[in-house]
C-alpha atoms as a PDB file:
ATOM      1  CA  UNK A   1     -15.559  15.933   0.371  1.00  0.00           C
ATOM      2  CA  UNK A   2     -14.611  15.861   3.771  1.00  0.00           C
ATOM      3  CA  UNK A   3     -11.086  15.321   4.298  1.00  0.00           C
ATOM      4  CA  UNK A   4      -8.847  14.843   7.204  1.00  0.00           C
ATOM      5  CA  UNK A   5     -11.517  14.388   9.869  1.00  0.00           C
ATOM      6  CA  UNK A   6      -9.552  13.361  13.115  1.00  0.00           C
ATOM      7  CA  UNK A   7     -10.113  14.395  16.758  1.00  0.00           C
ATOM      8  CA  UNK A   8      -8.538  17.791  17.070  1.00  0.00           C
ATOM      9  CA  UNK A   9      -7.217  17.696  20.792  1.00  0.00           C
ATOM     10  CA  UNK A  10      -7.972  15.162  22.927  1.00  0.00           C
ATOM     11  CA  UNK A  11      -8.886  18.235  25.565  1.00  0.00           C
ATOM     12  CA  UNK A  12     -10.976  19.746  22.929  1.00  0.00           C
ATOM     13  CA  UNK A  13     -12.365  16.398  22.114  1.00  0.00           C
ATOM     14  CA  UNK A  14     -13.645  17.750  18.770  1.00  0.00           C
ATOM     15  CA  UNK A  15     -13.520  16.892  15.028  1.00  0.00           C
ATOM     16  CA  UNK A  16     -11.609  19.722  12.442  1.00  0.00           C
ATOM     17  CA  UNK A  17     -13.167  19.017   8.839  1.00  0.00           C
ATOM     18  CA  UNK A  18     -10.977  20.393   6.119  1.00  0.00           C
ATOM     19  CA  UNK A  19     -13.561  21.225   3.393  1.00  0.00           C
ATOM     20  CA  UNK A  20     -13.504  22.931  -0.047  1.00  0.00           C
ATOM     21  CA  UNK A  21     -10.109  24.538   0.664  1.00  0.00           C
ATOM     22  CA  UNK A  22      -9.437  27.571  -1.544  1.00  0.00           C
ATOM     23  CA  UNK A  23      -6.072  27.717  -1.007  1.00  0.00           C
ATOM     24  CA  UNK A  24      -5.895  31.081   0.083  1.00  0.00           C
ATOM     25  CA  UNK A  25      -2.932  30.293   2.557  1.00  0.00           C
ATOM     26  CA  UNK A  26      -4.085  32.571   5.504  1.00  0.00           C
ATOM     27  CA  UNK A  27      -4.199  29.639   7.760  1.00  0.00           C
ATOM     28  CA  UNK A  28      -0.527  28.836   6.904  1.00  0.00           C
ATOM     29  CA  UNK A  29       0.217  32.228   7.969  1.00  0.00           C
ATOM     30  CA  UNK A  30      -1.809  31.581  11.282  1.00  0.00           C
ATOM     31  CA  UNK A  31      -0.430  28.399  12.575  1.00  0.00           C
ATOM     32  CA  UNK A  32       2.710  28.888  14.772  1.00  0.00           C
ATOM     33  CA  UNK A  33       3.549  25.432  15.056  1.00  0.00           C
ATOM     34  CA  UNK A  34       3.946  24.023  11.118  1.00  0.00           C
ATOM     35  CA  UNK A  35       0.752  22.152  11.346  1.00  0.00           C
ATOM     36  CA  UNK A  36      -0.258  23.602   7.845  1.00  0.00           C
ATOM     37  CA  UNK A  37       0.715  21.571   4.907  1.00  0.00           C
ATOM     38  CA  UNK A  38      -0.410  22.173   1.105  1.00  0.00           C
ATOM     39  CA  UNK A  39      -1.358  19.666  -1.043  1.00  0.00           C
ATOM     40  CA  UNK A  40      -1.330  21.133  -4.119  1.00  0.00           C
ATOM     41  CA  UNK A  41      -3.081  24.399  -3.335  1.00  0.00           C
ATOM     42  CA  UNK A  42      -5.492  22.439  -0.935  1.00  0.00           C
ATOM     43  CA  UNK A  43      -4.442  22.592   3.060  1.00  0.00           C
ATOM     44  CA  UNK A  44      -3.915  19.535   5.071  1.00  0.00           C
ATOM     45  CA  UNK A  45      -3.671  19.544   8.767  1.00  0.00           C
ATOM     46  CA  UNK A  46      -0.106  17.492  10.722  1.00  0.00           C
ATOM     47  CA  UNK A  47      -2.259  16.297  13.433  1.00  0.00           C
ATOM     48  CA  UNK A  48       1.464  15.223  14.865  1.00  0.00           C
ATOM     49  CA  UNK A  49       2.079  18.750  15.091  1.00  0.00           C
ATOM     50  CA  UNK A  50      -1.132  20.655  15.808  1.00  0.00           C
ATOM     51  CA  UNK A  51      -1.593  21.837  19.328  1.00  0.00           C
ATOM     52  CA  UNK A  52      -5.268  22.534  19.167  1.00  0.00           C
ATOM     53  CA  UNK A  53      -5.081  26.603  19.332  1.00  0.00           C
ATOM     54  CA  UNK A  54      -7.939  26.662  16.362  1.00  0.00           C
ATOM     55  CA  UNK A  55      -6.365  29.899  14.586  1.00  0.00           C
ATOM     56  CA  UNK A  56      -6.239  28.009  11.817  1.00  0.00           C
ATOM     57  CA  UNK A  57     -10.496  27.631  11.612  1.00  0.00           C
ATOM     58  CA  UNK A  58     -10.458  31.312  13.056  1.00  0.00           C
ATOM     59  CA  UNK A  59      -8.924  33.004   9.959  1.00  0.00           C
ATOM     60  CA  UNK A  60     -10.286  30.800   7.482  1.00  0.00           C
ATOM     61  CA  UNK A  61     -12.172  33.795   5.131  1.00  0.00           C
ATOM     62  CA  UNK A  62     -13.958  30.936   3.572  1.00  0.00           C
ATOM     63  CA  UNK A  63     -15.165  28.429   6.537  1.00  0.00           C
ATOM     64  CA  UNK A  64     -13.171  25.496   5.014  1.00  0.00           C
ATOM     65  CA  UNK A  65     -11.540  24.868   8.106  1.00  0.00           C
ATOM     66  CA  UNK A  66     -14.643  24.174  10.631  1.00  0.00           C
ATOM     67  CA  UNK A  67     -14.958  22.147  14.020  1.00  0.00           C
ATOM     68  CA  UNK A  68     -17.322  19.676  14.016  1.00  0.00           C
ATOM     69  CA  UNK A  69     -18.728  18.644  17.592  1.00  0.00           C
END
């Protein structure tokens, strides 16, 4: 199931999807802008705070955060 699909950054024009998050927390620690929120053990991205740096995508060991072109 795909959730939280939105335009990640207007300059990048890519979409970020959160898929099958396992709640490891690595993306929480990588985000310097507080854009990662947990709902239970699952990750949600607060796109009002997201700057488009994609560090959350880079650190996800389960490839649960992906960029869709």
